[in-house]
Amino acid sequence: MFATPAYAQAAGGGGAAGGLLGFMPIILIFAIMYFLMIRPQQKKMKEHAAMVAAVRRGDQIVTQGGLIGKVTKVKDDNEVEVELAPDVKVRVVKNTIATVLTKTEPADAAKS
């Protein structure tokens, strides 16, 4: 009528292999998320940082707010002056530049 301790101990075999197989779907989900979401986002961030670092005077840009203007002066590493219309100039933080529409060639490359 009662179960003996020997029968109860024999029923719980395969503990280490079962625990690793239980974590396998979670590990697989994280691997898929890394390759489908995290890696492309990091690549996009690196491309944007390189584009922002290469902004120079004369480039036509679009800000994240949707303003289109021409860079008149690169003030420092973090700021540019953009002319939106004749005699209308604004200071813009470089990281808010969404895209560069037209790129000017460097003066050294134009001489060659």
C-alpha atoms as a PDB file:
ATOM      1  CA  MET A   1       0.000   0.000   0.000  1.00  0.00           C
ATOM      2  CA  PHE A   2       2.799   2.486   0.786  1.00  0.00           C
ATOM      3  CA  ALA A   3       5.619   3.278  -1.670  1.00  0.00           C
ATOM      4  CA  THR A   4       9.006   2.291  -0.452  1.00  0.00           C
ATOM      5  CA  PRO A   5      11.895   4.847  -0.507  1.00  0.00           C
ATOM      6  CA  ALA A   6      13.773   2.730  -3.066  1.00  0.00           C
ATOM      7  CA  TYR A   7      11.016   3.122  -5.686  1.00  0.00           C
ATOM      8  CA  ALA A   8      10.712   6.884  -5.108  1.00  0.00           C
ATOM      9  CA  GLN A   9      14.458   7.472  -5.637  1.00  0.00           C
ATOM     10  CA  ALA A  10      14.608   5.475  -8.863  1.00  0.00           C
ATOM     11  CA  ALA A  11      11.896   7.516 -10.589  1.00  0.00           C
ATOM     12  CA  GLY A  12      13.867  10.845 -10.885  1.00  0.00           C
ATOM     13  CA  GLY A  13      16.753   9.942 -13.282  1.00  0.00           C
ATOM     14  CA  GLY A  14      18.379  12.178 -15.956  1.00  0.00           C
ATOM     15  CA  GLY A  15      18.556  15.436 -13.955  1.00  0.00           C
ATOM     16  CA  ALA A  16      21.614  17.122 -15.585  1.00  0.00           C
ATOM     17  CA  ALA A  17      20.675  16.428 -19.205  1.00  0.00           C
ATOM     18  CA  GLY A  18      17.044  17.431 -18.664  1.00  0.00           C
ATOM     19  CA  GLY A  19      18.038  20.815 -17.156  1.00  0.00           C
ATOM     20  CA  LEU A  20      20.264  21.714 -20.122  1.00  0.00           C
ATOM     21  CA  LEU A  21      17.574  20.750 -22.620  1.00  0.00           C
ATOM     22  CA  GLY A  22      15.107  22.933 -20.724  1.00  0.00           C
ATOM     23  CA  PHE A  23      17.294  26.025 -21.308  1.00  0.00           C
ATOM     24  CA  MET A  24      17.909  25.259 -24.980  1.00  0.00           C
ATOM     25  CA  PRO A  25      14.795  27.090 -26.334  1.00  0.00           C
ATOM     26  CA  ILE A  26      15.680  30.217 -24.311  1.00  0.00           C
ATOM     27  CA  ILE A  27      19.275  30.161 -25.598  1.00  0.00           C
ATOM     28  CA  LEU A  28      17.990  29.683 -29.153  1.00  0.00           C
ATOM     29  CA  ILE A  29      15.593  32.644 -28.818  1.00  0.00           C
ATOM     30  CA  PHE A  30      18.413  34.933 -27.630  1.00  0.00           C
ATOM     31  CA  ALA A  31      20.657  33.805 -30.490  1.00  0.00           C
ATOM     32  CA  ILE A  32      17.935  34.529 -33.048  1.00  0.00           C
ATOM     33  CA  MET A  33      17.221  37.945 -31.480  1.00  0.00           C
ATOM     34  CA  TYR A  34      20.935  38.801 -31.609  1.00  0.00           C
ATOM     35  CA  PHE A  35      21.269  38.033 -35.313  1.00  0.00           C
ATOM     36  CA  LEU A  36      17.913  39.511 -36.381  1.00  0.00           C
ATOM     37  CA  MET A  37      17.713  42.612 -34.170  1.00  0.00           C
ATOM     38  CA  ILE A  38      20.826  43.556 -32.205  1.00  0.00           C
ATOM     39  CA  ARG A  39      23.545  43.112 -34.851  1.00  0.00           C
ATOM     40  CA  PRO A  40      21.750  45.076 -37.608  1.00  0.00           C
ATOM     41  CA  GLN A  41      20.972  47.880 -35.145  1.00  0.00           C
ATOM     42  CA  GLN A  42      24.634  48.112 -34.094  1.00  0.00           C
ATOM     43  CA  LYS A  43      25.701  48.211 -37.742  1.00  0.00           C
ATOM     44  CA  LYS A  44      23.205  50.995 -38.470  1.00  0.00           C
ATOM     45  CA  MET A  45      24.471  52.988 -35.474  1.00  0.00           C
ATOM     46  CA  LYS A  46      28.080  52.681 -36.667  1.00  0.00           C
ATOM     47  CA  GLU A  47      27.126  53.847 -40.179  1.00  0.00           C
ATOM     48  CA  HIS A  48      25.227  56.837 -38.754  1.00  0.00           C
ATOM     49  CA  ALA A  49      28.162  57.789 -36.510  1.00  0.00           C
ATOM     50  CA  ALA A  50      30.535  57.651 -39.501  1.00  0.00           C
ATOM     51  CA  MET A  51      28.144  59.756 -41.595  1.00  0.00           C
ATOM     52  CA  VAL A  52      27.800  62.374 -38.855  1.00  0.00           C
ATOM     53  CA  ALA A  53      31.554  62.504 -38.321  1.00  0.00           C
ATOM     54  CA  ALA A  54      32.080  63.136 -42.047  1.00  0.00           C
ATOM     55  CA  VAL A  55      29.682  66.107 -42.288  1.00  0.00           C
ATOM     56  CA  ARG A  56      31.446  69.155 -43.703  1.00  0.00           C
ATOM     57  CA  ARG A  57      30.693  72.675 -44.880  1.00  0.00           C
ATOM     58  CA  GLY A  58      28.476  72.741 -47.976  1.00  0.00           C
ATOM     59  CA  ASP A  59      26.666  69.439 -47.326  1.00  0.00           C
ATOM     60  CA  GLN A  60      22.891  69.484 -47.622  1.00  0.00           C
ATOM     61  CA  ILE A  61      21.343  67.649 -44.663  1.00  0.00           C
ATOM     62  CA  VAL A  62      18.000  66.601 -43.202  1.00  0.00           C
ATOM     63  CA  THR A  63      17.552  66.788 -39.441  1.00  0.00           C
ATOM     64  CA  GLN A  64      15.460  64.363 -37.435  1.00  0.00           C
ATOM     65  CA  GLY A  65      12.867  67.114 -37.117  1.00  0.00           C
ATOM     66  CA  GLY A  66      12.519  67.203 -40.908  1.00  0.00           C
ATOM     67  CA  LEU A  67      14.358  70.463 -41.581  1.00  0.00           C
ATOM     68  CA  ILE A  68      16.422  70.569 -44.779  1.00  0.00           C
ATOM     69  CA  GLY A  69      19.377  72.903 -44.865  1.00  0.00           C
ATOM     70  CA  LYS A  70      22.949  73.493 -45.934  1.00  0.00           C
ATOM     71  CA  VAL A  71      25.852  73.247 -43.485  1.00  0.00           C
ATOM     72  CA  THR A  72      27.606  76.604 -43.313  1.00  0.00           C
ATOM     73  CA  LYS A  73      29.970  75.939 -40.433  1.00  0.00           C
ATOM     74  CA  VAL A  74      31.125  72.962 -38.372  1.00  0.00           C
ATOM     75  CA  LYS A  75      31.509  74.562 -34.942  1.00  0.00           C
ATOM     76  CA  ASP A  76      33.028  71.692 -32.952  1.00  0.00           C
ATOM     77  CA  ASP A  77      32.718  67.932 -32.579  1.00  0.00           C
ATOM     78  CA  ASN A  78      29.104  68.166 -31.454  1.00  0.00           C
ATOM     79  CA  GLU A  79      27.534  71.097 -33.302  1.00  0.00           C
ATOM     80  CA  VAL A  80      27.041  72.494 -36.811  1.00  0.00           C
ATOM     81  CA  GLU A  81      25.510  75.689 -38.155  1.00  0.00           C
ATOM     82  CA  VAL A  82      22.856  75.078 -40.821  1.00  0.00           C
ATOM     83  CA  GLU A  83      21.339  77.624 -43.192  1.00  0.00           C
ATOM     84  CA  LEU A  84      17.657  76.820 -43.702  1.00  0.00           C
ATOM     85  CA  ALA A  85      16.839  79.837 -45.906  1.00  0.00           C
ATOM     86  CA  PRO A  86      18.735  82.961 -46.940  1.00  0.00           C
ATOM     87  CA  ASP A  87      19.872  84.726 -43.756  1.00  0.00           C
ATOM     88  CA  VAL A  88      18.236  82.062 -41.522  1.00  0.00           C
ATOM     89  CA  LYS A  89      20.886  80.066 -39.678  1.00  0.00           C
ATOM     90  CA  VAL A  90      20.393  77.641 -36.811  1.00  0.00           C
ATOM     91  CA  ARG A  91      22.749  75.613 -34.663  1.00  0.00           C
ATOM     92  CA  VAL A  92      22.107  71.875 -34.789  1.00  0.00           C
ATOM     93  CA  VAL A  93      23.524  69.071 -32.670  1.00  0.00           C
ATOM     94  CA  LYS A  94      25.329  66.645 -34.978  1.00  0.00           C
ATOM     95  CA  ASN A  95      23.553  63.563 -33.633  1.00  0.00           C
ATOM     96  CA  THR A  96      20.197  64.976 -34.777  1.00  0.00           C
ATOM     97  CA  ILE A  97      21.272  64.822 -38.427  1.00  0.00           C
ATOM     98  CA  ALA A  98      19.188  62.082 -40.035  1.00  0.00           C
ATOM     99  CA  THR A  99      20.696  61.970 -43.542  1.00  0.00           C
ATOM    100  CA  VAL A 100      23.090  63.787 -45.819  1.00  0.00           C
ATOM    101  CA  LEU A 101      21.327  64.537 -49.104  1.00  0.00           C
ATOM    102  CA  THR A 102      24.230  65.946 -51.138  1.00  0.00           C
ATOM    103  CA  LYS A 103      27.836  65.514 -50.208  1.00  0.00           C
ATOM    104  CA  THR A 104      30.496  68.048 -51.175  1.00  0.00           C
ATOM    105  CA  GLU A 105      33.857  66.789 -52.326  1.00  0.00           C
ATOM    106  CA  PRO A 106      36.897  67.651 -50.252  1.00  0.00           C
ATOM    107  CA  ALA A 107      39.053  70.482 -51.640  1.00  0.00           C
ATOM    108  CA  ASP A 108      42.040  68.128 -52.009  1.00  0.00           C
ATOM    109  CA  ALA A 109      40.084  65.686 -54.205  1.00  0.00           C
ATOM    110  CA  ALA A 110      38.786  68.511 -56.443  1.00  0.00           C
ATOM    111  CA  LYS A 111      42.327  69.650 -57.293  1.00  0.00           C
ATOM    112  CA  SER A 112      43.388  66.204 -58.489  1.00  0.00           C
END
